[in-house]
Amino acid sequence: MKKRRLIALAAVAVLGAVVALHVRERPQSAAAGGTALSLQRAERLGSVELREVDDVYVADAVIEAVRSATISAQIAGNVTRYYVDAGDRVRRGQLLVTIDTREADARLAGGSARVAQARAQLSQAKLNHERTAKLLQQKFVAQAALDKAAAELDSAQAELKAARAGENAAATARSFAEVRSPIDGVVTRRLAEAGELAAPGRALLEVHDPSALRAVASVPQFVLSRVAEAQSAEVALPAHGAKLRATRVVVLPAADARLLSTEVRADLPAGLPAGVMPGTAAKVLLPIGRVQRLVVPAEAIVRRGELTAAYVASGEDAPRLRQVRVGEPVADGWVEVLAGLDAGERVVLP
């Protein structure tokens, strides 16, 4: 007898829990005690429809800067000082890093000395040429002596030009000890520290312009023919809950033979959400035609944790919560239905 009583009590408890859960999930008007008919009059209803919508290919993408620069050393020497750090804003031409200039200074001094030496030799060659020309007029020397003096003058002039070129090269190398920004932007990261040895070609800093960003995606070749002429696209930023219209779409005229894909670039508009930066994950939505899709108003979708559902109105019965599976949103506030609903059914709108 006790065993039967315990079983009955357990059944009543389970039934009570199910009823309570159903009451919580029902629309407020139904929970207030209204009938199915009064609920349908009080609530707005939407329909599940089969519509022709844009067929969109969704490609995984990464945000990158349109204008970026990896700034490298052009001379050898120890890094003496950094004037900026990651996250700092910089202007074009701003001093970023200095490199030890002792070796460059020595080369510049050597170049200046060679210029002075070449000037002295040129001055002597000019005087010698003038004296030889006067002696030839007085018939004290032969024509060969004047020819030799003229050749020495030409050689001295060439030596001066070479010395000046060497001095300019040394001065240019000396200027490379001051590393300056080639663009306006933000320092992405530092790739060396003060005291480390810089060498020609070694990267010291990365800078990008945050005012011009784009989403870069790879599109497989089986859809390339349908996106090759794409004039518009949307870029979704899942981490920020935003979707933006691209200002420009470029399909590169080359394919990756290893991945069998082609790169597509979608330029982003100004006024991006805070935190959008190079490396951010994104999705590029490329229209590839028109297709029939089963859709439902997006506002009819109810999300409870892991559950995605909709209240389905059926005749005189109260609306019932039905689990559904939805796809990507489509135009005008509709969302694609993958499973759980049929065309013509009515759903409750909040």
Protein backbone atom coordinates (compact mmCIF):
# COMPACT_ATOMS: atom_id res chain seq x y z
CA MET A 1 0.00 0.00 0.00
CA LYS A 2 2.81 2.42 0.94
CA LYS A 3 4.58 1.64 -2.32
CA ARG A 4 1.47 2.49 -4.37
CA ARG A 5 0.99 5.73 -2.44
CA LEU A 6 4.61 6.78 -3.07
CA ILE A 7 4.25 6.04 -6.80
CA ALA A 8 1.08 8.12 -7.00
CA LEU A 9 2.71 11.06 -5.19
CA ALA A 10 5.70 10.93 -7.54
CA ALA A 11 3.41 10.94 -10.58
CA VAL A 12 1.53 13.97 -9.24
CA ALA A 13 4.84 15.81 -8.64
CA VAL A 14 6.08 15.14 -12.17
CA LEU A 15 2.76 16.23 -13.67
CA GLY A 16 2.88 19.45 -11.62
CA ALA A 17 6.38 20.23 -12.85
CA VAL A 18 5.38 19.69 -16.49
CA VAL A 19 2.32 21.95 -16.08
CA ALA A 20 4.43 24.66 -14.42
CA LEU A 21 6.98 24.53 -17.21
CA HIS A 22 4.25 24.76 -19.84
CA VAL A 23 2.73 27.75 -18.08
CA ARG A 24 6.07 29.54 -17.99
CA GLU A 25 6.67 28.94 -21.71
CA ARG A 26 3.23 30.01 -22.86
CA PRO A 27 2.60 33.61 -23.93
CA GLN A 28 1.54 35.94 -21.13
CA SER A 29 -2.04 36.22 -22.35
CA ALA A 30 -2.44 32.46 -22.22
CA ALA A 31 -0.80 32.26 -18.80
CA ALA A 32 -3.30 34.82 -17.59
CA GLY A 33 -6.05 32.28 -18.14
CA GLY A 34 -7.44 33.28 -21.56
CA THR A 35 -8.77 30.73 -24.03
CA ALA A 36 -7.10 29.81 -27.31
CA LEU A 37 -9.51 32.09 -29.19
CA SER A 38 -8.87 35.09 -26.96
CA LEU A 39 -5.12 34.48 -27.22
CA GLN A 40 -5.18 34.53 -31.02
CA ARG A 41 -7.14 37.80 -30.93
CA ALA A 42 -4.75 39.39 -28.44
CA GLU A 43 -1.55 38.26 -30.10
CA ARG A 44 -0.30 39.11 -33.59
CA LEU A 45 0.14 36.16 -35.88
CA GLY A 46 2.61 35.65 -38.66
CA SER A 47 2.79 33.02 -41.35
CA VAL A 48 5.38 30.55 -42.53
CA GLU A 49 5.85 31.23 -46.23
CA LEU A 50 7.73 29.91 -49.23
CA ARG A 51 9.39 32.97 -50.74
CA GLU A 52 11.89 33.75 -53.46
CA VAL A 53 14.89 35.29 -51.73
CA ASP A 54 18.51 36.02 -52.51
CA ASP A 55 20.66 32.90 -52.54
CA VAL A 56 23.69 33.86 -50.46
CA TYR A 57 27.02 32.10 -50.17
CA VAL A 58 28.53 32.61 -46.72
CA ALA A 59 32.34 32.61 -46.72
CA ASP A 60 34.52 32.70 -43.63
CA ALA A 61 36.69 35.81 -43.62
CA VAL A 62 39.25 37.74 -41.63
CA ILE A 63 39.44 41.50 -41.21
CA GLU A 64 42.62 43.13 -42.49
CA ALA A 65 43.81 46.70 -43.03
CA VAL A 66 43.72 48.13 -46.54
CA ARG A 67 46.84 50.16 -45.76
CA SER A 68 49.47 48.53 -43.58
CA ALA A 69 53.25 48.49 -43.42
CA THR A 70 55.93 46.32 -41.93
CA ILE A 71 58.74 48.75 -41.16
CA SER A 72 62.21 47.24 -41.45
CA ALA A 73 65.73 48.43 -40.79
CA GLN A 74 67.79 49.53 -43.79
CA ILE A 75 71.18 49.68 -42.06
CA ALA A 76 72.98 47.54 -39.51
CA GLY A 77 73.33 48.71 -35.93
CA ASN A 78 71.92 48.38 -32.44
CA VAL A 79 68.46 49.79 -31.76
CA THR A 80 69.07 52.71 -29.42
CA ARG A 81 65.51 53.88 -28.70
CA TYR A 82 61.85 53.27 -29.44
CA TYR A 83 59.64 56.36 -29.43
CA VAL A 84 56.32 54.48 -29.76
CA ASP A 85 54.73 51.28 -28.53
CA ALA A 86 51.90 49.00 -29.67
CA GLY A 87 48.59 50.87 -29.75
CA ASP A 88 50.10 54.32 -30.24
CA ARG A 89 48.80 56.50 -33.05
CA VAL A 90 51.44 57.80 -35.45
CA ARG A 91 51.59 60.26 -38.32
CA ARG A 92 53.33 59.89 -41.63
CA GLY A 93 56.98 60.93 -41.25
CA GLN A 94 56.94 60.62 -37.44
CA LEU A 95 60.16 59.33 -35.84
CA LEU A 96 59.59 55.80 -34.51
CA VAL A 97 62.99 54.21 -33.86
CA THR A 98 66.63 55.28 -33.84
CA ILE A 99 69.56 53.00 -34.64
CA ASP A 100 73.18 53.45 -33.51
CA THR A 101 74.73 55.91 -35.98
CA ARG A 102 78.43 55.62 -35.17
CA GLU A 103 79.29 53.49 -38.19
CA ALA A 104 77.08 55.63 -40.46
CA ASP A 105 78.68 58.79 -39.08
CA ALA A 106 82.15 57.41 -39.84
CA ARG A 107 81.16 56.61 -43.42
CA LEU A 108 79.69 60.08 -43.85
CA ALA A 109 82.86 61.68 -42.51
CA GLY A 110 84.92 59.55 -44.92
CA GLY A 111 82.73 60.64 -47.80
CA SER A 112 83.11 64.30 -46.88
CA ALA A 113 86.91 63.90 -46.71
CA ARG A 114 87.00 62.32 -50.17
CA VAL A 115 84.97 65.23 -51.53
CA ALA A 116 87.45 67.71 -50.05
CA GLN A 117 90.36 65.73 -51.53
CA ALA A 118 88.73 65.63 -54.96
CA ARG A 119 88.13 69.39 -54.85
CA ALA A 120 91.79 70.02 -54.09
CA GLN A 121 92.89 67.77 -56.93
CA LEU A 122 90.47 69.51 -59.30
CA SER A 123 91.81 72.92 -58.29
CA GLN A 124 95.38 71.75 -58.94
CA ALA A 125 94.40 70.22 -62.29
CA LYS A 126 92.77 73.52 -63.38
CA LEU A 127 95.92 75.52 -62.51
CA ASN A 128 98.13 73.02 -64.31
CA HIS A 129 95.93 73.15 -67.41
CA GLU A 130 96.01 76.96 -67.47
CA ARG A 131 99.83 77.09 -67.09
CA THR A 132 100.34 74.48 -69.79
CA ALA A 133 98.07 76.40 -72.18
CA LYS A 134 100.14 79.61 -71.65
CA LEU A 135 103.40 77.74 -72.17
CA LEU A 136 102.02 76.25 -75.39
CA GLN A 137 101.22 79.74 -76.66
CA GLN A 138 104.85 80.76 -75.96
CA LYS A 139 106.01 77.54 -77.68
CA PHE A 140 107.83 76.31 -74.60
CA VAL A 141 105.92 72.96 -74.53
CA ALA A 142 104.43 70.66 -77.13
CA GLN A 143 100.73 70.04 -77.78
CA ALA A 144 101.04 66.67 -76.02
CA ALA A 145 101.67 68.44 -72.69
CA LEU A 146 98.42 70.39 -73.03
CA ASP A 147 96.52 67.23 -73.95
CA LYS A 148 97.85 65.54 -70.82
CA ALA A 149 96.85 68.49 -68.64
CA ALA A 150 93.35 68.45 -70.16
CA ALA A 151 92.98 64.73 -69.42
CA GLU A 152 94.09 65.26 -65.84
CA LEU A 153 91.50 68.04 -65.48
CA ASP A 154 88.73 65.78 -66.79
CA SER A 155 89.83 63.02 -64.43
CA ALA A 156 89.79 65.40 -61.46
CA GLN A 157 86.26 66.55 -62.34
CA ALA A 158 85.09 62.92 -62.54
CA GLU A 159 86.74 62.14 -59.19
CA LEU A 160 84.86 65.03 -57.59
CA LYS A 161 81.53 63.78 -58.99
CA ALA A 162 82.25 60.28 -57.65
CA ALA A 163 83.23 61.65 -54.25
CA ARG A 164 80.02 63.71 -54.05
CA ALA A 165 77.95 60.64 -54.99
CA GLY A 166 79.66 58.67 -52.23
CA GLU A 167 78.99 61.44 -49.74
CA ASN A 168 75.30 61.51 -50.73
CA ALA A 169 75.08 57.73 -50.33
CA ALA A 170 76.65 57.97 -46.87
CA ALA A 171 74.26 60.78 -45.91
CA THR A 172 71.29 58.71 -47.13
CA ALA A 173 72.48 55.70 -45.11
CA ARG A 174 72.87 57.99 -42.10
CA SER A 175 69.25 59.08 -42.50
CA PHE A 176 68.17 55.41 -42.35
CA ALA A 177 69.24 55.40 -38.72
CA GLU A 178 66.06 57.37 -38.03
CA VAL A 179 63.14 55.05 -38.83
CA ARG A 180 59.99 57.00 -39.66
CA SER A 181 56.38 56.00 -40.30
CA PRO A 182 55.38 55.71 -43.98
CA ILE A 183 51.63 56.10 -43.23
CA ASP A 184 49.17 57.57 -40.74
CA GLY A 185 47.89 54.84 -38.48
CA VAL A 186 48.32 52.78 -35.32
CA VAL A 187 51.30 50.71 -34.22
CA THR A 188 50.14 47.09 -34.38
CA ARG A 189 53.15 45.59 -32.58
CA ARG A 190 56.86 45.94 -31.93
CA LEU A 191 59.08 43.24 -33.38
CA ALA A 192 62.36 44.15 -31.66
CA GLU A 193 63.52 45.81 -28.48
CA ALA A 194 66.05 48.52 -27.63
CA GLY A 195 69.57 47.10 -27.61
CA GLU A 196 68.90 44.38 -30.18
CA LEU A 197 70.87 44.30 -33.38
CA ALA A 198 69.03 45.67 -36.39
CA ALA A 199 70.04 44.46 -39.84
CA PRO A 200 68.88 45.40 -43.33
CA GLY A 201 65.51 43.72 -43.89
CA ARG A 202 64.80 42.92 -40.24
CA ALA A 203 61.29 44.04 -39.24
CA LEU A 204 61.09 46.49 -36.34
CA LEU A 205 57.43 47.58 -36.29
CA GLU A 206 54.05 46.92 -37.87
CA VAL A 207 51.69 49.82 -38.54
CA HIS A 208 48.17 49.83 -39.99
CA ASP A 209 45.56 52.44 -40.82
CA PRO A 210 42.41 51.62 -38.76
CA SER A 211 40.23 53.95 -40.84
CA ALA A 212 40.27 51.61 -43.84
CA LEU A 213 39.52 47.93 -43.19
CA ARG A 214 38.27 45.09 -45.35
CA ALA A 215 37.10 41.50 -44.99
CA VAL A 216 39.13 38.94 -46.93
CA ALA A 217 37.51 35.59 -47.75
CA SER A 218 38.35 32.56 -49.89
CA VAL A 219 35.62 31.41 -52.27
CA PRO A 220 35.74 27.89 -53.73
CA GLN A 221 35.83 27.60 -57.47
CA PHE A 222 32.46 25.85 -57.77
CA VAL A 223 30.69 29.12 -56.82
CA LEU A 224 33.25 31.46 -58.37
CA SER A 225 31.32 31.81 -61.63
CA ARG A 226 28.31 33.14 -59.69
CA VAL A 227 30.22 35.63 -57.54
CA ALA A 228 32.73 36.82 -60.15
CA GLU A 229 30.43 39.69 -61.14
CA ALA A 230 29.26 40.46 -57.60
CA GLN A 231 28.70 44.18 -57.11
CA SER A 232 27.54 44.06 -53.49
CA ALA A 233 28.00 41.99 -50.37
CA GLU A 234 27.35 42.10 -46.65
CA VAL A 235 29.93 41.50 -43.95
CA ALA A 236 28.77 39.92 -40.68
CA LEU A 237 30.77 40.37 -37.48
CA PRO A 238 29.56 37.57 -35.19
CA ALA A 239 31.55 38.72 -32.16
CA HIS A 240 29.96 42.17 -32.34
CA GLY A 241 26.47 41.17 -33.50
CA ALA A 242 26.69 43.51 -36.48
CA LYS A 243 26.10 43.22 -40.21
CA LEU A 244 27.47 45.86 -42.57
CA ARG A 245 27.04 46.61 -46.27
CA ALA A 246 30.39 46.48 -48.08
CA THR A 247 31.31 49.65 -49.96
CA ARG A 248 33.29 47.76 -52.59
CA VAL A 249 33.75 44.12 -53.59
CA VAL A 250 36.80 42.89 -55.46
CA VAL A 251 37.27 39.35 -56.76
CA LEU A 252 40.98 38.85 -57.39
CA PRO A 253 41.77 37.62 -60.93
CA ALA A 254 43.86 34.70 -59.68
CA ALA A 255 43.19 31.35 -58.03
CA ASP A 256 45.06 29.43 -55.35
CA ALA A 257 46.01 26.17 -57.03
CA ARG A 258 46.60 24.46 -53.68
CA LEU A 259 43.28 25.39 -52.05
CA LEU A 260 41.28 25.63 -55.32
CA SER A 261 39.84 28.93 -54.19
CA THR A 262 39.89 32.63 -55.07
CA GLU A 263 40.27 35.58 -52.71
CA VAL A 264 37.40 38.05 -52.37
CA ARG A 265 37.85 41.42 -50.67
CA ALA A 266 34.94 43.41 -49.24
CA ASP A 267 35.78 46.95 -48.10
CA LEU A 268 34.07 47.99 -44.87
CA PRO A 269 32.35 51.36 -44.37
CA ALA A 270 33.37 53.97 -41.80
CA GLY A 271 31.92 53.95 -38.31
CA LEU A 272 32.69 50.35 -37.38
CA PRO A 273 31.78 48.93 -33.95
CA ALA A 274 34.42 49.34 -31.27
CA GLY A 275 36.91 46.50 -31.19
CA VAL A 276 36.90 45.68 -34.90
CA MET A 277 40.56 45.35 -35.86
CA PRO A 278 42.81 43.34 -38.18
CA GLY A 279 42.52 39.65 -37.37
CA THR A 280 38.85 39.82 -36.30
CA ALA A 281 36.76 36.88 -37.55
CA ALA A 282 34.00 37.77 -40.00
CA LYS A 283 31.73 36.30 -42.65
CA VAL A 284 31.19 37.65 -46.15
CA LEU A 285 27.68 37.13 -47.51
CA LEU A 286 27.83 37.06 -51.31
CA PRO A 287 24.60 36.99 -53.38
CA ILE A 288 24.76 34.27 -56.02
CA GLY A 289 21.21 34.32 -57.40
CA ARG A 290 17.56 33.81 -56.37
CA VAL A 291 16.08 30.72 -54.75
CA GLN A 292 12.87 29.52 -53.07
CA ARG A 293 13.21 29.32 -49.28
CA LEU A 294 10.82 28.50 -46.44
CA VAL A 295 10.91 31.57 -44.18
CA VAL A 296 9.31 32.83 -40.99
CA PRO A 297 9.34 36.28 -39.34
CA ALA A 298 12.51 36.52 -37.26
CA GLU A 299 10.61 37.99 -34.32
CA ALA A 300 8.58 34.77 -34.00
CA ILE A 301 11.68 32.78 -33.03
CA VAL A 302 12.00 32.08 -29.30
CA ARG A 303 15.37 31.21 -27.83
CA ARG A 304 15.69 29.60 -24.41
CA GLY A 305 19.30 28.66 -23.82
CA GLU A 306 20.03 25.87 -26.30
CA LEU A 307 16.40 25.69 -27.42
CA THR A 308 15.24 27.44 -30.60
CA ALA A 309 11.47 27.30 -31.04
CA ALA A 310 8.31 29.13 -32.11
CA TYR A 311 4.74 29.26 -30.80
CA VAL A 312 2.55 27.63 -33.46
CA ALA A 313 -1.16 28.56 -33.55
CA SER A 314 -3.43 25.70 -34.60
CA GLY A 315 -7.20 26.15 -34.87
CA GLU A 316 -8.99 26.58 -31.54
CA ASP A 317 -6.16 25.08 -29.51
CA ALA A 318 -3.77 27.25 -27.54
CA PRO A 319 -0.47 27.96 -29.32
CA ARG A 320 2.14 25.34 -28.61
CA LEU A 321 5.88 25.78 -28.36
CA ARG A 322 7.55 23.78 -31.12
CA GLN A 323 11.28 23.29 -31.55
CA VAL A 324 12.59 24.48 -34.92
CA ARG A 325 15.89 24.74 -36.73
CA VAL A 326 16.63 28.00 -38.51
CA GLY A 327 19.29 29.13 -40.96
CA GLU A 328 20.62 32.52 -41.96
CA PRO A 329 18.48 35.67 -41.83
CA VAL A 330 17.11 36.86 -45.16
CA ALA A 331 15.83 40.23 -46.31
CA ASP A 332 13.06 42.26 -44.63
CA GLY A 333 13.24 40.66 -41.19
CA TRP A 334 12.69 37.04 -42.20
CA VAL A 335 14.76 34.00 -41.28
CA GLU A 336 15.12 30.72 -43.16
CA VAL A 337 13.44 27.63 -41.66
CA LEU A 338 15.39 24.41 -42.01
CA ALA A 339 13.14 22.10 -39.98
CA GLY A 340 10.14 22.14 -37.63
CA LEU A 341 7.65 24.28 -39.60
CA ASP A 342 5.63 23.87 -42.78
CA ALA A 343 4.42 26.45 -45.28
CA GLY A 344 1.08 27.97 -44.33
CA GLU A 345 1.38 27.45 -40.58
CA ARG A 346 0.72 30.41 -38.28
CA VAL A 347 3.15 31.55 -35.59
CA VAL A 348 2.72 33.96 -32.68
CA LEU A 349 4.53 37.27 -32.92
CA PRO A 350 5.47 39.10 -29.70
